[in-house]
Each structure stands twice: as structure tokens, then as C-alpha cells.
Amino acid sequence: MSKQLPALAMESLAPGQNLESYIQVVNSFNILSAEEEKTLAERLYYQEDLQAARQLVLSHMRFVVHIARSYSGYGLNQADLIQEGNVGLMKAVKRFNPEVGVRLVSFAVHWIKAEIHEYILKNWRIVKVATTKSQRKLFFNLRSSKKRLGWLSDAEAQDIATDLGVKKSTVYEMEGRMSSHDMAFDMGADDDDTVAFSPSQTIEDYSYDPARLVEADNYETDANDQLMQAVSALDERSQDIIRLRWLNDSKSTLHDLADKYGVSAERIRQLEKNAMKKVRVALESAGVEI
């Protein structure tokens, strides 16, 4: 299908502050029979009838509300979860093939949950708690798998790991991530430093440590000496190219050096590359970090 599925323009069909009114509106739309759904889906699939797409979306928005409610335990705004689920519903309607032989609601569940999952993972914590496929699966199954409010026992962790096909250590790691809380790096302006705590209090400032300043100065001096030795080991033309291209305040272009040596700019580039490689090898052998 070449056309994009239009977003619902009616203000009342976007969940906002009055969520109950929105739910009443979406519940007022009739549930389609199998025949009605197939007819609308065929009009959309074969004729790109956007009015048929709109009817399919409206008649299934109550299912989005039902699915979004099952994610209420993550502390996120219910209206936002519903809105993300609606995005998934519209994606499903756009991709629905009426010839497959399944109802739209069965096909759309995956797309609705996928959008809600993505929203939760992006907004549940400042730092992402699940990045890999196994971590994402574990994140959304761990709450329902826990039998009590306390920490998992060894047997419970093993059962969850077996059911979800992950290592037991991964279960414990995810449980720890889900039990942690976000913490500001610096204290707020009104926080009492005798009571409040922030990670910035534990970091020692070495900026003005005399020993570290001397060490840094000595390292820089030694690195410069090693660089000069590495450059001096090159042939005269390569030394000149490196100096004019990298070490002088006024740097020459490849074409400037090509004119000077009567060769092409590409040849100068090759000579420069070979010279830099030799310098890098010499510095690494001398223990200088590049």
C-alpha cells in the first residue's frame, strides 16, 4: 500500500486528561462481525480505502484500552500507554491481509504490545534496564512470574529461567535492575548535604593534585620526545610531509606538497599514510598511547 494510514483527527479520540470520557467514546463504537471486518479489510487492502481503515481502527480501540490496562503497574501514564497502543493498532490495520483467515484483533495484539513495550522500556527508567532480546522478554515476564513481593528464592529464579529460556544469573540481574531507583548525580539546590546523598559526593577531584599534574606534564614531555624521534627516523621527504601536514602551525595541503615534489596529490597522500603508519608503530612500541 502506497498511502499512509491517516492519524485519527477527532480530538475526542486522543486520550488526554479526561481518560474516562475517552474510554466511553471508544466503547461506544460497535464491534464488527467477521463479515463486516472482512469487507472493510478487503476495501483497504485492494482499494486503499482510507475510510475503511478508519472504521477498522475505531472498532478496535477498545481492545487497545484493555491491553494498556494490563501495563498499569509500571508507573506510567495510562493515556500515554493507550496512545502508543493506538499507534500499534494503526500499523496492524495497515499491514492486515484479509486473505490470511484470522481476525484483525488476533493479528493486532502483537503490534499493540510491541509499541507499548517500546514506550515502557524508554520511559520506565532514565537508564535502560533491558537492551537485549532476552532481557526484554525477561523484563515483561518477571513481574507476573514472581509469587511474592520479596526477593526471588533460588527455586523461583530457576523456574523463571527455565520457563523463559535464560540463565538464572540473568534473572537475578534483571530483578536487581527492576528493584533499583533512579538517582540524580548532583544534589538539588534545596537538599541538605548532611541528610541527602548523591553520587557526586563520592567522586574525588584530582584536578589540582600536584603529583598528578607533574606526572601528566612528564608524560606529555616524554610523548613529544618519542614523537620527534619517530619522525626523525623517516626519510627526508617523509619527514618534510609529516612536518608540513601535521606539525607546523600553517599546514600545507596535499596539492601544495604535490607541486613542491612534482608528483600527484594522490602520491603525497600515500606517502603521508605510510609515514604515519611508521610513526604510530614506533610510538606504540615506546609505550605511548595514541
Protein backbone atom coordinates (compact mmCIF):
# COMPACT_ATOMS: atom_id res chain seq x y z
CA MET A 1 0.00 0.00 0.00
CA SER A 2 1.46 3.32 -1.04
CA LYS A 3 -0.64 5.68 1.07
CA GLN A 4 -0.01 6.26 4.74
CA LEU A 5 -2.78 5.39 7.18
CA PRO A 6 -4.14 8.73 8.49
CA ALA A 7 -4.00 9.55 12.19
CA LEU A 8 -7.39 9.99 13.84
CA ALA A 9 -8.13 13.68 13.71
CA MET A 10 -11.07 13.87 16.16
CA GLU A 11 -9.88 15.43 19.39
CA SER A 12 -12.13 13.17 21.47
CA LEU A 13 -10.33 10.11 20.12
CA ALA A 14 -6.97 11.06 21.61
CA PRO A 15 -6.65 10.02 25.27
CA GLY A 16 -5.95 13.12 27.32
CA GLN A 17 -6.71 14.40 30.80
CA ASN A 18 -10.29 13.07 30.78
CA LEU A 19 -9.46 9.42 30.25
CA GLU A 20 -12.87 8.16 31.35
CA SER A 21 -14.62 10.20 28.64
CA TYR A 22 -12.23 8.79 26.05
CA ILE A 23 -12.93 5.22 27.19
CA GLN A 24 -16.68 5.85 27.00
CA VAL A 25 -16.30 7.13 23.43
CA VAL A 26 -14.23 4.18 22.18
CA ASN A 27 -16.57 1.70 23.89
CA SER A 28 -19.49 3.24 22.02
CA PHE A 29 -18.17 2.01 18.67
CA ASN A 30 -19.73 -1.25 17.59
CA ILE A 31 -17.66 -4.41 17.44
CA LEU A 32 -17.52 -5.64 13.85
CA SER A 33 -18.81 -9.02 12.83
CA ALA A 34 -16.43 -11.30 10.92
CA GLU A 35 -18.21 -10.48 7.65
CA GLU A 36 -18.13 -6.71 8.25
CA GLU A 37 -14.46 -6.82 9.20
CA LYS A 38 -13.52 -8.84 6.12
CA THR A 39 -15.42 -6.45 3.82
CA LEU A 40 -13.69 -3.39 5.29
CA ALA A 41 -10.30 -5.10 5.26
CA GLU A 42 -10.71 -6.02 1.59
CA ARG A 43 -11.65 -2.43 0.71
CA LEU A 44 -8.49 -1.22 2.43
CA TYR A 45 -6.20 -3.95 1.11
CA TYR A 46 -7.32 -3.91 -2.53
CA GLN A 47 -8.70 -0.38 -2.99
CA GLU A 48 -6.69 1.60 -0.39
CA ASP A 49 -9.97 2.85 1.07
CA LEU A 50 -8.88 5.02 3.99
CA GLN A 51 -12.42 5.37 5.30
CA ALA A 52 -12.50 1.58 5.70
CA ALA A 53 -9.17 1.81 7.57
CA ARG A 54 -10.65 4.41 9.91
CA GLN A 55 -13.63 2.18 10.69
CA LEU A 56 -11.34 -0.76 11.41
CA VAL A 57 -9.26 1.33 13.80
CA LEU A 58 -12.26 2.83 15.62
CA SER A 59 -13.92 -0.53 16.16
CA HIS A 60 -10.77 -1.98 17.75
CA MET A 61 -9.68 0.89 20.00
CA ARG A 62 -11.49 -0.66 22.98
CA PHE A 63 -9.07 -3.60 22.74
CA VAL A 64 -6.13 -1.20 23.00
CA VAL A 65 -7.56 0.19 26.25
CA HIS A 66 -7.94 -3.36 27.58
CA ILE A 67 -4.33 -4.26 26.71
CA ALA A 68 -2.90 -0.97 28.03
CA ARG A 69 -4.58 -1.53 31.41
CA SER A 70 -2.53 -4.70 31.89
CA TYR A 71 0.61 -2.50 31.98
CA SER A 72 -0.64 -0.17 34.72
CA GLY A 73 1.93 -1.50 37.19
CA TYR A 74 4.87 0.26 35.55
CA GLY A 75 4.02 3.70 36.96
CA LEU A 76 3.49 5.33 33.56
CA ASN A 77 0.58 7.49 32.44
CA GLN A 78 -2.31 5.32 31.25
CA ALA A 79 -3.25 7.76 28.49
CA ASP A 80 0.30 7.59 27.09
CA LEU A 81 0.20 3.79 27.09
CA ILE A 82 -3.13 3.83 25.24
CA GLN A 83 -1.81 6.34 22.71
CA GLU A 84 1.21 4.14 21.98
CA GLY A 85 -1.07 1.14 21.67
CA ASN A 86 -3.20 3.06 19.15
CA VAL A 87 -0.07 3.59 17.06
CA GLY A 88 0.49 -0.15 17.06
CA LEU A 89 -3.16 -0.74 16.13
CA MET A 90 -2.88 1.58 13.11
CA LYS A 91 0.30 -0.19 12.00
CA ALA A 92 -1.51 -3.52 12.27
CA VAL A 93 -4.50 -2.28 10.26
CA LYS A 94 -2.18 -1.04 7.54
CA ARG A 95 -0.45 -4.45 7.28
CA PHE A 96 -3.52 -6.67 7.73
CA ASN A 97 -4.16 -9.14 4.92
CA PRO A 98 -7.82 -10.27 4.85
CA GLU A 99 -6.88 -13.41 2.90
CA VAL A 100 -4.86 -14.91 5.77
CA GLY A 101 -8.01 -16.06 7.52
CA VAL A 102 -7.52 -14.62 11.03
CA ARG A 103 -9.43 -11.87 12.81
CA LEU A 104 -7.82 -8.45 12.96
CA VAL A 105 -7.74 -8.39 16.77
CA SER A 106 -5.57 -11.54 16.84
CA PHE A 107 -3.18 -10.02 14.32
CA ALA A 108 -3.09 -6.60 16.02
CA VAL A 109 -2.20 -7.82 19.52
CA HIS A 110 1.47 -8.19 18.58
CA TRP A 111 1.71 -4.68 17.13
CA ILE A 112 -0.15 -3.06 20.02
CA LYS A 113 2.05 -4.74 22.64
CA ALA A 114 5.22 -4.02 20.68
CA GLU A 115 4.57 -0.25 20.72
CA ILE A 116 3.63 -0.29 24.41
CA HIS A 117 6.73 -2.35 25.28
CA GLU A 118 8.98 0.07 23.41
CA TYR A 119 7.44 3.04 25.23
CA ILE A 120 7.82 1.40 28.64
CA LEU A 121 11.46 0.48 28.06
CA LYS A 122 12.25 4.06 27.01
CA ASN A 123 10.44 5.74 29.89
CA TRP A 124 10.41 3.37 32.88
CA ARG A 125 13.90 4.38 33.97
CA ILE A 126 16.39 7.06 32.91
CA VAL A 127 18.91 4.26 32.36
CA LYS A 128 17.64 1.44 30.16
CA VAL A 129 17.05 -1.79 32.08
CA ALA A 130 16.66 -4.08 29.06
CA THR A 131 18.59 -3.88 25.80
CA THR A 132 18.99 -7.45 24.52
CA LYS A 133 16.12 -9.64 23.30
CA SER A 134 16.38 -11.98 26.30
CA GLN A 135 16.44 -9.05 28.73
CA ARG A 136 13.35 -7.50 27.14
CA LYS A 137 11.48 -10.82 27.37
CA LEU A 138 12.52 -11.24 30.99
CA PHE A 139 11.59 -7.68 31.91
CA PHE A 140 7.95 -8.09 30.85
CA ASN A 141 7.57 -11.57 32.33
CA LEU A 142 9.36 -11.20 35.66
CA ARG A 143 6.61 -9.29 37.47
CA SER A 144 3.92 -11.79 36.61
CA SER A 145 6.27 -14.69 37.36
CA LYS A 146 7.11 -13.61 40.91
CA LYS A 147 4.92 -15.32 43.51
CA ARG A 148 5.55 -12.84 46.31
CA LEU A 149 6.70 -9.26 46.92
CA GLY A 150 10.10 -10.20 48.36
CA TRP A 151 13.27 -11.26 46.55
CA LEU A 152 13.15 -14.41 44.47
CA SER A 153 14.21 -17.67 46.06
CA ASP A 154 16.72 -19.86 44.27
CA ALA A 155 13.96 -22.28 43.18
CA GLU A 156 11.76 -19.45 41.86
CA ALA A 157 14.65 -17.92 39.92
CA GLN A 158 15.47 -21.32 38.39
CA ASP A 159 11.82 -21.89 37.39
CA ILE A 160 11.63 -18.47 35.73
CA ALA A 161 14.93 -19.01 33.94
CA THR A 162 13.71 -22.37 32.62
CA ASP A 163 10.33 -21.01 31.51
CA LEU A 164 11.84 -18.03 29.68
CA GLY A 165 14.93 -19.78 28.32
CA VAL A 166 17.52 -17.57 30.03
CA LYS A 167 20.29 -18.11 32.58
CA LYS A 168 19.46 -17.93 36.28
CA SER A 169 22.10 -15.23 36.70
CA THR A 170 20.23 -13.15 34.12
CA VAL A 171 17.05 -13.45 36.21
CA TYR A 172 18.87 -12.19 39.32
CA GLU A 173 20.48 -9.36 37.35
CA MET A 174 17.12 -8.20 35.97
CA GLU A 175 15.49 -8.44 39.40
CA GLY A 176 18.20 -6.15 40.75
CA ARG A 177 17.71 -3.66 37.92
CA MET A 178 13.95 -3.59 38.41
CA SER A 179 14.34 -3.06 42.17
CA SER A 180 16.73 -0.13 41.78
CA HIS A 181 15.73 3.52 41.54
CA ASP A 182 16.98 6.46 39.50
CA MET A 183 19.19 8.87 41.42
CA ALA A 184 20.26 12.37 40.43
CA PHE A 185 24.03 12.72 40.01
CA ASP A 186 24.09 16.06 41.88
CA MET A 187 22.01 17.12 44.86
CA GLY A 188 19.24 19.65 44.36
CA ALA A 189 19.68 23.26 45.43
CA ASP A 190 17.42 22.75 48.46
CA ASP A 191 18.87 19.41 49.61
CA ASP A 192 20.62 19.18 52.97
CA ASP A 193 24.05 17.63 52.38
CA THR A 194 24.01 16.22 55.94
CA VAL A 195 20.95 14.12 55.09
CA ALA A 196 20.69 13.79 51.30
CA PHE A 197 23.12 11.79 49.19
CA SER A 198 24.22 11.95 45.56
CA PRO A 199 26.88 10.03 43.58
CA SER A 200 28.82 13.26 43.01
CA GLN A 201 29.76 13.26 46.72
CA THR A 202 31.75 10.04 46.32
CA ILE A 203 33.95 11.27 43.44
CA GLU A 204 37.31 12.69 44.44
CA ASP A 205 38.62 15.67 42.46
CA TYR A 206 42.23 15.12 41.35
CA SER A 207 42.36 18.21 39.13
CA TYR A 208 44.80 20.03 41.38
CA ASP A 209 46.77 17.10 42.80
CA PRO A 210 50.45 18.20 42.44
CA ALA A 211 51.68 14.63 41.93
CA ARG A 212 49.19 14.03 39.12
CA LEU A 213 49.98 17.38 37.50
CA VAL A 214 53.72 16.57 37.47
CA GLU A 215 53.01 13.08 36.15
CA ALA A 216 50.83 14.45 33.33
CA ASP A 217 53.46 17.06 32.43
CA ASN A 218 56.23 14.46 32.37
CA TYR A 219 54.13 12.13 30.24
CA GLU A 220 53.38 14.88 27.72
CA THR A 221 57.06 15.83 27.52
CA ASP A 222 58.11 12.20 27.05
CA ALA A 223 55.41 11.65 24.42
CA ASN A 224 56.62 14.68 22.45
CA ASP A 225 60.20 13.42 22.63
CA GLN A 226 59.16 9.99 21.37
CA LEU A 227 57.19 11.61 18.54
CA MET A 228 60.19 13.64 17.41
CA GLN A 229 62.38 10.52 17.49
CA ALA A 230 59.85 8.57 15.44
CA VAL A 231 59.62 11.34 12.85
CA SER A 232 63.42 11.72 12.65
CA ALA A 233 63.70 8.01 11.76
CA LEU A 234 61.79 8.63 8.48
CA ASP A 235 63.40 9.52 5.19
CA GLU A 236 63.85 13.24 4.48
CA ARG A 237 60.81 13.61 2.20
CA SER A 238 58.51 11.79 4.62
CA GLN A 239 59.77 13.96 7.48
CA ASP A 240 59.01 17.06 5.47
CA ILE A 241 55.50 15.82 4.59
CA ILE A 242 54.65 14.97 8.21
CA ARG A 243 56.03 18.28 9.48
CA LEU A 244 54.21 20.41 6.90
CA ARG A 245 50.97 18.44 7.14
CA TRP A 246 50.73 17.93 10.91
CA LEU A 247 53.37 19.69 13.00
CA ASN A 248 53.52 23.23 11.59
CA ASP A 249 51.04 25.92 12.65
CA SER A 250 50.40 26.69 8.99
CA LYS A 251 49.57 23.33 7.44
CA SER A 252 50.16 22.57 3.78
CA THR A 253 47.61 20.89 1.54
CA LEU A 254 48.23 17.75 -0.49
CA HIS A 255 48.28 19.86 -3.63
CA ASP A 256 50.89 22.23 -2.13
CA LEU A 257 53.22 19.30 -1.47
CA ALA A 258 52.42 17.75 -4.86
CA ASP A 259 53.62 20.92 -6.57
CA LYS A 260 56.72 21.03 -4.34
CA TYR A 261 57.80 17.48 -5.16
CA GLY A 262 56.45 17.28 -8.71
CA VAL A 263 54.14 14.32 -8.05
CA SER A 264 50.39 13.83 -7.82
CA ALA A 265 48.35 14.69 -4.73
CA GLU A 266 47.41 11.01 -4.50
CA ARG A 267 51.10 10.08 -4.31
CA ILE A 268 51.58 12.56 -1.46
CA ARG A 269 48.59 11.04 0.34
CA GLN A 270 50.15 7.57 0.01
CA LEU A 271 53.50 8.79 1.32
CA GLU A 272 51.77 10.51 4.24
CA LYS A 273 49.80 7.37 5.08
CA ASN A 274 52.91 5.17 5.06
CA ALA A 275 54.84 7.69 7.17
CA MET A 276 52.03 7.96 9.73
CA LYS A 277 51.88 4.19 9.97
CA LYS A 278 55.62 4.01 10.75
CA VAL A 279 55.29 6.78 13.35
CA ARG A 280 52.35 5.02 15.00
CA VAL A 281 54.24 1.72 15.23
CA ALA A 282 57.25 3.48 16.77
CA LEU A 283 55.10 5.28 19.37
CA GLU A 284 53.24 2.09 20.32
CA SER A 285 56.49 0.22 20.80
CA ALA A 286 57.66 3.03 23.08
CA GLY A 287 54.51 2.70 25.19
CA VAL A 288 52.94 5.99 24.10
CA GLU A 289 49.13 5.92 23.90
CA ILE A 290 47.82 7.28 20.61
